[in-house]
Amino acid sequence: MEARGIIATIRDGATPPADALAWFARGLASGAVTDAQAGAFAMAVLLRGLSEEGRVALTLAMRDSGRVLDWDLPGPVVDKHSTGGIGDCVSLLLAPALAVCGAYVPMVSGRGLGHTGGTLDKLEAIPGFRTGLSEPELRAQVGSIGCAIVAASADLAPADRRLYAVRDISGTVESVDLITASILSKKLAAGLEALVLDVKCGSGAFMKTEEDAARLARALVSTAQGAGCMTSALITDMSQPLATAAGNALEVIEVMETLTGTSVNSGLRELTAELGGEVLALAGLAGDAADGAARILRALDGGRAAEAFGRMVAAQGGPSDFVERWPDRLPAAPVVLEVPALEDGHITAIDGEMLGHAVVRLGGGRLRDGDRISPAVGFSDLAGLGEEAGAGVPLAMVHALTREAAADAVAAVQRAYRIGGAASGMTTPGDGPLVLKRIC
């Protein structure tokens, strides 16, 4: 086989056979396929697409380009993946709640991408927390605690790591076929039996419309199921931040308030239960999604998920008393400013992507690969859709390293919020459905 023939097949509108895609994935991992060939392959897939069978074959080929974990545990191995949004810290609640309900969760997560925050960056705001576990450490922790949230190891789907880097510089990131293979190759390499997908749409998501989100969700679900993993997807609303915070330590605070019951974010709690219910039903640990959601809520509300989260934090190098002492353990920014509204009225729209980029500029994300993150910066007390704005009612609180950075962030938040005259008939926080559609 040769790369040129495989690329030409896709260019001409056909799908290469599975063994050809497997050869290409091995070449990506080994370096036998050049960057130019990888870029041409990605562009051909973007412009011409793959058949459903080809998408499954590419996903499996990329999965099998490296180590594929297998498990011998007394319960099902499950996970969740989100396509990313603002204030989306569900994973930190869901992994321990699923563990309490009898599932085993080797959650392979990522860092911030563009304007969206990353699960690993949030957890690394906890002093000492390690996301890079060896395979023996991962196996031991998942077996004893039931969950771990970790970075992908170098030998997990190495073909995806190579192809993603090429896509990022060749203008081919948007291909649904390549997005699908990228997400699922890493998840399936973790040896999952069931997977739930949170595909977000709205101003804070990569997919701005429900139609685009549904197209990606259908591709993900059909491909994962074709690869042998029980999967469903929820299309969820990201027209406003999910949490009232955006920024790594600030989102961990909101997680801890919800886990410990000191100040429960109803949206985080609801979406965690919906996603957990889906995957518990898929894995046979609940009669249906509603039964599974009720089990997740009991784990959250009864404090057992908080206990499991504390054990996970301690096992991965964080403070052993984190659940009891989290307000003292998380970093705080030296400058905190209110964001005044520029006019009176009610909030009619929020540009979530603009908020996300503002967090990045504060130092809460990366402008370039390798940038250091400032875990304490970001926004708290973000106002939601339909809320009143005006004199004495701040839109948010900015947490920054300097007054100059804080002033720039104040202006960015003001630009991100649209304020109108009346609240009648508008969505208010908690009233609009978070889950817009289920794809199975």
Protein backbone atom coordinates (compact mmCIF):
# COMPACT_ATOMS: atom_id res chain seq x y z
CA MET A 1 0.00 0.00 0.00
CA GLU A 2 1.00 3.62 -0.38
CA ALA A 3 -0.33 6.89 0.98
CA ARG A 4 -0.84 8.47 -2.47
CA GLY A 5 -3.29 5.79 -3.55
CA ILE A 6 -5.32 6.05 -0.33
CA ILE A 7 -5.50 9.85 -0.64
CA ALA A 8 -6.50 9.62 -4.30
CA THR A 9 -9.30 7.17 -3.49
CA ILE A 10 -10.84 9.63 -1.03
CA ARG A 11 -10.22 12.57 -3.39
CA ASP A 12 -12.21 10.76 -6.06
CA GLY A 13 -15.20 10.25 -3.75
CA ALA A 14 -14.69 6.63 -2.70
CA THR A 15 -13.81 5.14 0.69
CA PRO A 16 -10.60 3.08 1.01
CA PRO A 17 -10.96 -0.44 2.46
CA ALA A 18 -10.46 -0.93 6.19
CA ASP A 19 -7.01 -2.48 5.80
CA ALA A 20 -5.83 0.56 3.82
CA LEU A 21 -7.04 2.95 6.53
CA ALA A 22 -5.36 0.76 9.16
CA TRP A 23 -2.10 0.98 7.17
CA PHE A 24 -2.44 4.77 6.97
CA ALA A 25 -3.07 5.08 10.73
CA ARG A 26 0.00 2.99 11.49
CA GLY A 27 1.98 5.24 9.17
CA LEU A 28 0.75 8.32 11.00
CA ALA A 29 1.87 6.83 14.31
CA SER A 30 5.26 5.66 13.03
CA GLY A 31 6.10 8.66 10.87
CA ALA A 32 6.06 6.67 7.63
CA VAL A 33 3.27 8.97 6.42
CA THR A 34 4.67 12.47 5.88
CA ASP A 35 3.09 15.70 7.14
CA ALA A 36 2.25 16.62 3.54
CA GLN A 37 0.46 13.31 3.03
CA ALA A 38 -1.37 13.64 6.34
CA GLY A 39 -2.52 17.14 5.37
CA ALA A 40 -3.67 15.95 1.93
CA PHE A 41 -5.56 13.07 3.56
CA ALA A 42 -7.29 15.44 6.00
CA MET A 43 -8.25 17.86 3.21
CA ALA A 44 -9.60 15.04 1.05
CA VAL A 45 -11.76 13.78 3.94
CA LEU A 46 -12.98 17.32 4.68
CA LEU A 47 -14.00 17.97 1.08
CA ARG A 48 -15.26 14.52 0.02
CA GLY A 49 -16.17 12.78 3.27
CA LEU A 50 -16.17 9.12 4.25
CA SER A 51 -18.97 6.59 4.24
CA GLU A 52 -20.31 5.44 7.59
CA GLU A 53 -18.33 2.22 7.22
CA GLY A 54 -15.21 4.22 6.40
CA ARG A 55 -15.67 6.42 9.47
CA VAL A 56 -15.91 3.32 11.69
CA ALA A 57 -12.85 1.82 10.00
CA LEU A 58 -10.80 5.01 10.45
CA THR A 59 -11.84 5.27 14.11
CA LEU A 60 -10.81 1.67 14.82
CA ALA A 61 -7.58 2.09 12.88
CA MET A 62 -6.64 5.16 14.92
CA ARG A 63 -7.67 3.41 18.14
CA ASP A 64 -5.49 0.43 17.27
CA SER A 65 -2.46 2.57 16.35
CA GLY A 66 -1.40 2.39 19.99
CA ARG A 67 -2.20 0.70 23.30
CA VAL A 68 -5.81 -0.42 23.85
CA LEU A 69 -6.73 -1.06 27.47
CA ASP A 70 -8.74 -4.03 28.60
CA TRP A 71 -10.23 -4.44 32.06
CA ASP A 72 -11.17 -7.24 34.44
CA LEU A 73 -13.45 -5.46 36.88
CA PRO A 74 -16.67 -6.45 38.69
CA GLY A 75 -18.67 -3.74 36.89
CA PRO A 76 -18.94 -1.98 33.52
CA VAL A 77 -16.29 0.48 32.29
CA VAL A 78 -17.93 3.72 31.14
CA ASP A 79 -17.15 7.33 30.30
CA LYS A 80 -18.61 10.63 29.10
CA HIS A 81 -17.33 13.12 26.53
CA SER A 82 -18.35 16.75 26.06
CA THR A 83 -17.69 18.76 22.92
CA GLY A 84 -16.88 21.73 25.15
CA GLY A 85 -18.50 24.89 26.45
CA ILE A 86 -18.21 27.69 29.00
CA GLY A 87 -18.51 26.78 32.67
CA ASP A 88 -18.82 23.09 31.80
CA CYS A 89 -17.39 21.26 34.82
CA VAL A 90 -19.79 18.30 34.74
CA SER A 91 -16.98 15.72 34.50
CA LEU A 92 -15.78 16.57 38.01
CA LEU A 93 -19.23 15.76 39.38
CA LEU A 94 -20.07 12.86 37.10
CA ALA A 95 -16.99 10.64 37.42
CA PRO A 96 -17.29 10.14 41.21
CA ALA A 97 -21.10 9.88 41.04
CA LEU A 98 -20.85 7.08 38.47
CA ALA A 99 -18.25 5.31 40.61
CA VAL A 100 -20.63 5.41 43.58
CA CYS A 101 -23.31 3.83 41.36
CA GLY A 102 -21.17 0.79 40.52
CA ALA A 103 -19.49 1.90 37.29
CA TYR A 104 -15.74 2.14 36.67
CA VAL A 105 -14.62 5.36 35.03
CA PRO A 106 -11.14 5.75 33.47
CA MET A 107 -11.96 9.25 32.18
CA VAL A 108 -9.40 10.36 29.59
CA SER A 109 -9.83 14.13 29.35
CA GLY A 110 -8.29 17.09 27.59
CA ARG A 111 -7.03 20.60 28.16
CA GLY A 112 -8.63 23.86 27.10
CA LEU A 113 -9.23 24.14 23.35
CA GLY A 114 -9.79 27.59 21.87
CA HIS A 115 -12.39 29.42 23.94
CA THR A 116 -13.53 26.36 25.92
CA GLY A 117 -12.05 25.24 29.23
CA GLY A 118 -10.39 21.88 29.79
CA THR A 119 -11.14 19.33 32.50
CA LEU A 120 -7.45 18.68 33.17
CA ASP A 121 -6.74 22.40 33.61
CA LYS A 122 -9.56 22.68 36.16
CA LEU A 123 -8.26 19.74 38.19
CA GLU A 124 -4.70 21.04 38.10
CA ALA A 125 -5.94 24.14 39.95
CA ILE A 126 -6.02 21.78 42.96
CA PRO A 127 -2.52 21.87 44.51
CA GLY A 128 -0.55 18.71 43.77
CA PHE A 129 -3.18 17.08 41.51
CA ARG A 130 -1.50 14.83 38.91
CA THR A 131 -3.22 14.10 35.61
CA GLY A 132 -0.37 12.05 34.13
CA LEU A 133 -0.74 8.59 35.65
CA SER A 134 1.11 5.50 34.49
CA GLU A 135 -1.01 2.59 33.33
CA PRO A 136 -0.39 0.61 36.57
CA GLU A 137 -1.39 3.68 38.61
CA LEU A 138 -4.52 4.17 36.50
CA ARG A 139 -5.53 0.52 36.85
CA ALA A 140 -4.98 0.50 40.59
CA GLN A 141 -6.93 3.70 41.16
CA VAL A 142 -9.88 2.77 38.97
CA GLY A 143 -10.04 -0.63 40.64
CA SER A 144 -9.96 0.73 44.19
CA ILE A 145 -11.80 4.08 43.93
CA GLY A 146 -13.86 3.53 40.80
CA CYS A 147 -12.72 6.62 38.90
CA ALA A 148 -9.73 8.57 37.67
CA ILE A 149 -9.53 11.64 35.44
CA VAL A 150 -6.30 11.62 33.46
CA ALA A 151 -4.50 12.89 30.38
CA ALA A 152 -4.06 10.58 27.42
CA SER A 153 -0.75 8.75 27.57
CA ALA A 154 1.67 8.97 24.64
CA ASP A 155 0.80 5.46 23.48
CA LEU A 156 -2.98 6.04 23.45
CA ALA A 157 -4.19 6.57 19.86
CA PRO A 158 -0.88 8.11 18.65
CA ALA A 159 -2.25 8.37 15.09
CA ASP A 160 -4.83 10.84 16.34
CA ARG A 161 -2.22 12.98 18.08
CA ARG A 162 -0.26 13.25 14.83
CA LEU A 163 -3.28 13.85 12.60
CA TYR A 164 -4.81 16.42 14.93
CA ALA A 165 -1.60 18.49 14.91
CA VAL A 166 -1.67 18.47 11.11
CA ARG A 167 -5.38 19.34 10.98
CA ASP A 168 -4.80 22.29 13.27
CA ILE A 169 -2.41 23.94 10.78
CA SER A 170 -4.07 22.82 7.54
CA GLY A 171 -7.57 24.24 7.97
CA THR A 172 -9.27 20.85 8.32
CA VAL A 173 -10.34 20.81 11.98
CA GLU A 174 -14.04 21.20 11.05
CA SER A 175 -14.45 17.83 9.28
CA VAL A 176 -17.20 15.87 11.06
CA ASP A 177 -15.61 12.58 9.98
CA LEU A 178 -12.23 13.56 11.44
CA ILE A 179 -13.74 15.06 14.61
CA THR A 180 -15.62 11.81 15.14
CA ALA A 181 -12.58 9.59 14.62
CA SER A 182 -10.45 11.85 16.84
CA ILE A 183 -12.85 11.85 19.79
CA LEU A 184 -13.76 8.19 19.64
CA SER A 185 -10.33 6.70 18.93
CA LYS A 186 -9.07 8.01 22.29
CA LYS A 187 -12.22 7.04 24.19
CA LEU A 188 -12.38 3.54 22.73
CA ALA A 189 -8.67 2.98 23.42
CA ALA A 190 -9.58 3.25 27.11
CA GLY A 191 -11.55 0.00 26.82
CA LEU A 192 -15.06 1.37 27.32
CA GLU A 193 -18.26 -0.66 27.35
CA ALA A 194 -20.59 2.36 27.35
CA LEU A 195 -20.21 6.04 26.50
CA VAL A 196 -22.49 9.08 26.76
CA LEU A 197 -21.80 12.16 24.67
CA ASP A 198 -22.69 15.75 25.57
CA VAL A 199 -22.87 17.60 22.25
CA LYS A 200 -23.34 21.29 22.95
CA CYS A 201 -24.85 24.01 20.77
CA GLY A 202 -25.20 27.74 21.22
CA SER A 203 -23.03 30.82 21.62
CA GLY A 204 -20.54 29.15 23.96
CA ALA A 205 -20.14 25.95 21.92
CA PHE A 206 -18.18 25.04 18.79
CA MET A 207 -21.47 24.03 17.14
CA LYS A 208 -23.63 27.15 17.14
CA THR A 209 -26.87 25.58 15.88
CA GLU A 210 -28.88 22.58 17.01
CA GLU A 211 -28.83 21.27 13.44
CA ASP A 212 -25.02 21.18 13.31
CA ALA A 213 -24.85 19.62 16.78
CA ALA A 214 -27.33 16.91 15.75
CA ARG A 215 -25.28 16.12 12.65
CA LEU A 216 -22.15 15.61 14.77
CA ALA A 217 -24.07 13.66 17.44
CA ARG A 218 -25.48 11.24 14.86
CA ALA A 219 -22.01 10.66 13.40
CA LEU A 220 -20.52 10.04 16.84
CA VAL A 221 -23.26 7.68 18.00
CA SER A 222 -23.42 5.62 14.81
CA THR A 223 -19.64 5.33 14.65
CA ALA A 224 -19.21 4.36 18.31
CA GLN A 225 -21.96 1.77 18.05
CA GLY A 226 -20.43 0.48 14.82
CA ALA A 227 -17.18 0.07 16.71
CA GLY A 228 -18.93 -2.01 19.40
CA CYS A 229 -19.47 0.54 22.19
CA MET A 230 -22.98 1.20 23.54
CA THR A 231 -23.42 4.95 23.05
CA SER A 232 -26.01 7.70 23.14
CA ALA A 233 -25.76 11.49 22.91
CA LEU A 234 -27.58 14.41 24.46
CA ILE A 235 -27.66 17.71 22.59
CA THR A 236 -27.49 20.37 25.29
CA ASP A 237 -27.91 24.12 25.41
CA MET A 238 -24.86 26.36 25.67
CA SER A 239 -26.53 29.71 25.01
CA GLN A 240 -25.26 30.75 28.44
CA PRO A 241 -22.49 29.41 30.71
CA LEU A 242 -23.47 26.19 32.46
CA ALA A 243 -21.88 27.26 35.74
CA THR A 244 -21.94 30.80 37.10
CA ALA A 245 -18.14 30.72 36.92
CA ALA A 246 -15.63 30.51 34.06
CA GLY A 247 -12.03 29.83 35.00
CA ASN A 248 -10.25 26.84 36.47
CA ALA A 249 -10.20 27.30 40.27
CA LEU A 250 -13.47 29.24 40.15
CA GLU A 251 -15.23 26.32 38.45
CA VAL A 252 -13.76 23.89 40.99
CA ILE A 253 -15.30 26.08 43.71
CA GLU A 254 -18.70 25.72 42.05
CA VAL A 255 -18.21 21.95 41.79
CA MET A 256 -17.35 21.72 45.48
CA GLU A 257 -20.32 23.87 46.48
CA THR A 258 -22.59 21.52 44.54
CA LEU A 259 -20.93 18.31 45.75
CA THR A 260 -21.05 19.39 49.39
CA GLY A 261 -24.50 20.99 49.19
CA THR A 262 -23.33 24.39 50.42
CA SER A 263 -24.65 26.19 47.31
CA VAL A 264 -26.01 23.80 44.69
CA ASN A 265 -25.93 24.87 41.03
CA SER A 266 -29.18 23.35 39.75
CA GLY A 267 -28.02 23.34 36.12
CA LEU A 268 -24.82 21.42 36.89
CA ARG A 269 -26.73 19.01 39.10
CA GLU A 270 -29.45 18.43 36.49
CA LEU A 271 -27.11 17.86 33.55
CA THR A 272 -24.86 15.57 35.59
CA ALA A 273 -27.89 13.45 36.44
CA GLU A 274 -29.17 13.38 32.84
CA LEU A 275 -25.81 12.29 31.42
CA GLY A 276 -25.16 9.83 34.24
CA GLY A 277 -28.61 8.32 33.87
CA GLU A 278 -27.98 7.69 30.17
CA VAL A 279 -24.70 5.88 30.67
CA LEU A 280 -25.93 3.85 33.67
CA ALA A 281 -28.82 2.61 31.53
CA LEU A 282 -26.50 1.81 28.61
CA ALA A 283 -24.23 -0.15 30.97
CA GLY A 284 -27.08 -2.13 32.53
CA LEU A 285 -26.75 -0.51 35.96
CA ALA A 286 -30.18 1.15 35.76
CA GLY A 287 -33.54 0.10 34.34
CA ASP A 288 -33.70 3.19 32.13
CA ALA A 289 -32.27 6.69 31.92
CA ALA A 290 -34.75 8.09 34.44
CA ASP A 291 -33.85 5.41 36.97
CA GLY A 292 -30.16 6.10 36.33
CA ALA A 293 -30.64 9.85 36.82
CA ALA A 294 -32.35 9.23 40.14
CA ARG A 295 -29.39 7.10 41.26
CA ILE A 296 -26.93 9.85 40.29
CA LEU A 297 -28.97 12.43 42.23
CA ARG A 298 -28.91 10.24 45.33
CA ALA A 299 -25.14 9.92 45.03
CA LEU A 300 -24.76 13.69 44.72
CA ASP A 301 -27.28 14.71 47.36
CA GLY A 302 -26.24 12.12 49.92
CA GLY A 303 -22.58 13.15 49.95
CA ARG A 304 -21.22 9.86 48.58
CA ALA A 305 -20.05 11.48 45.33
CA ALA A 306 -18.18 14.12 47.35
CA GLU A 307 -16.45 11.38 49.34
CA ALA A 308 -15.42 9.58 46.14
CA PHE A 309 -14.16 12.86 44.66
CA GLY A 310 -12.04 13.42 47.77
CA ARG A 311 -10.53 9.95 47.48
CA MET A 312 -9.75 10.56 43.80
CA VAL A 313 -8.07 13.91 44.57
CA ALA A 314 -5.92 12.35 47.29
CA ALA A 315 -4.97 9.36 45.11
CA GLN A 316 -3.83 11.71 42.34
CA GLY A 317 -1.61 13.80 44.60
CA GLY A 318 -3.99 16.46 45.88
CA PRO A 319 -4.71 17.33 49.53
CA SER A 320 -6.18 14.45 51.54
CA ASP A 321 -8.55 16.90 53.26
CA PHE A 322 -9.67 18.68 50.10
CA VAL A 323 -13.41 18.04 50.53
CA GLU A 324 -13.30 19.44 54.06
CA ARG A 325 -10.85 22.31 53.41
CA TRP A 326 -11.30 23.22 49.74
CA PRO A 327 -11.82 26.99 50.38
CA ASP A 328 -8.32 27.08 51.92
CA ARG A 329 -6.70 24.88 49.29
CA LEU A 330 -7.56 26.68 46.04
CA PRO A 331 -5.63 29.69 44.71
CA ALA A 332 -7.22 33.16 44.70
CA ALA A 333 -6.53 36.07 42.35
CA PRO A 334 -5.15 39.29 43.89
CA VAL A 335 -7.53 41.60 41.97
CA VAL A 336 -11.32 41.20 42.02
CA LEU A 337 -13.57 43.75 40.30
CA GLU A 338 -17.30 44.06 39.66
CA VAL A 339 -18.56 44.29 36.08
CA PRO A 340 -21.24 47.00 35.99
CA ALA A 341 -23.98 46.82 33.37
CA LEU A 342 -23.86 49.68 30.85
CA GLU A 343 -27.64 50.03 30.74
CA ASP A 344 -30.77 49.01 32.63
CA GLY A 345 -32.97 46.15 31.52
CA HIS A 346 -32.85 42.37 31.30
CA ILE A 347 -30.21 40.10 29.77
CA THR A 348 -31.40 38.94 26.36
CA ALA A 349 -28.26 37.21 25.02
CA ILE A 350 -24.78 36.17 26.14
CA ASP A 351 -21.85 35.63 23.78
CA GLY A 352 -20.26 32.63 25.46
CA GLU A 353 -17.40 32.41 23.00
CA MET A 354 -16.45 36.01 23.79
CA LEU A 355 -16.46 35.19 27.52
CA GLY A 356 -14.26 32.17 26.91
CA HIS A 357 -11.71 34.17 24.95
CA ALA A 358 -11.70 36.78 27.73
CA VAL A 359 -10.77 34.05 30.26
CA VAL A 360 -7.94 32.96 27.97
CA ARG A 361 -6.62 36.54 27.74
CA LEU A 362 -6.68 36.80 31.55
CA GLY A 363 -4.29 33.83 31.61
CA GLY A 364 -6.87 31.12 32.28
CA GLY A 365 -6.19 29.40 28.95
CA ARG A 366 -3.49 29.12 26.29
CA LEU A 367 -2.90 31.49 23.39
CA ARG A 368 0.00 29.25 22.25
CA ASP A 369 0.90 25.66 22.94
CA GLY A 370 3.03 25.49 26.09
CA ASP A 371 1.65 28.66 27.72
CA ARG A 372 1.40 28.50 31.52
CA ILE A 373 -2.08 28.85 32.94
CA SER A 374 -2.99 31.07 35.90
CA PRO A 375 -5.52 28.85 37.71
CA ALA A 376 -7.09 31.60 39.85
CA VAL A 377 -8.25 33.96 37.10
CA GLY A 378 -11.63 34.11 35.41
CA PHE A 379 -15.19 35.18 36.15
CA SER A 380 -17.56 34.36 38.98
CA ASP A 381 -21.18 35.28 39.69
CA LEU A 382 -21.99 35.42 35.97
CA ALA A 383 -25.51 36.71 35.41
CA GLY A 384 -27.84 34.50 33.40
CA LEU A 385 -30.38 34.98 30.64
CA GLY A 386 -33.47 36.88 31.72
CA GLU A 387 -31.89 38.33 34.84
CA GLU A 388 -32.19 42.00 35.62
CA ALA A 389 -29.21 44.23 34.89
CA GLY A 390 -28.51 47.82 35.80
CA ALA A 391 -27.41 50.03 38.64
CA GLY A 392 -26.07 48.03 41.57
CA VAL A 393 -26.50 44.68 39.80
CA PRO A 394 -23.13 43.51 38.43
CA LEU A 395 -22.95 41.25 35.40
CA ALA A 396 -20.06 39.29 36.96
CA MET A 397 -16.98 39.49 39.13
CA VAL A 398 -13.59 39.53 37.39
CA HIS A 399 -10.66 37.72 39.05
CA ALA A 400 -7.33 38.87 37.61
CA LEU A 401 -3.61 39.12 38.29
CA THR A 402 -3.37 42.87 37.63
CA ARG A 403 -5.75 45.84 37.59
CA GLU A 404 -4.94 46.43 33.92
CA ALA A 405 -5.94 42.88 32.99
CA ALA A 406 -9.05 43.19 35.13
CA ALA A 407 -10.10 46.42 33.38
CA ASP A 408 -9.74 44.77 29.96
CA ALA A 409 -11.80 41.81 31.15
CA VAL A 410 -14.54 44.09 32.50
CA ALA A 411 -14.91 45.63 29.05
CA ALA A 412 -14.96 42.18 27.43
CA VAL A 413 -17.77 40.97 29.70
CA GLN A 414 -19.77 44.11 28.99
CA ARG A 415 -19.43 43.45 25.25
CA ALA A 416 -20.50 39.83 25.71
CA TYR A 417 -23.83 40.71 27.36
CA ARG A 418 -26.82 42.05 25.42
CA ILE A 419 -29.39 43.89 27.51
CA GLY A 420 -32.98 44.62 26.45
CA GLY A 421 -36.04 46.16 27.95
CA ALA A 422 -38.42 43.41 29.08
CA ALA A 423 -38.12 39.96 30.59
CA SER A 424 -41.57 38.79 29.48
CA GLY A 425 -41.45 35.53 27.55
CA MET A 426 -37.66 35.21 27.87
CA THR A 427 -35.68 32.25 29.06
CA THR A 428 -34.67 32.64 32.69
CA PRO A 429 -31.99 30.59 34.45
CA GLY A 430 -33.27 27.08 35.09
CA ASP A 431 -36.48 27.54 33.05
CA GLY A 432 -35.28 26.60 29.56
CA PRO A 433 -34.43 22.95 28.95
CA LEU A 434 -30.76 22.09 29.15
CA VAL A 435 -31.27 18.90 27.15
CA LEU A 436 -32.63 19.72 23.71
CA LYS A 437 -32.56 16.30 22.04
CA ARG A 438 -31.47 12.69 22.58
CA ILE A 439 -29.66 10.78 19.82
CA CYS A 440 -29.37 7.01 20.14
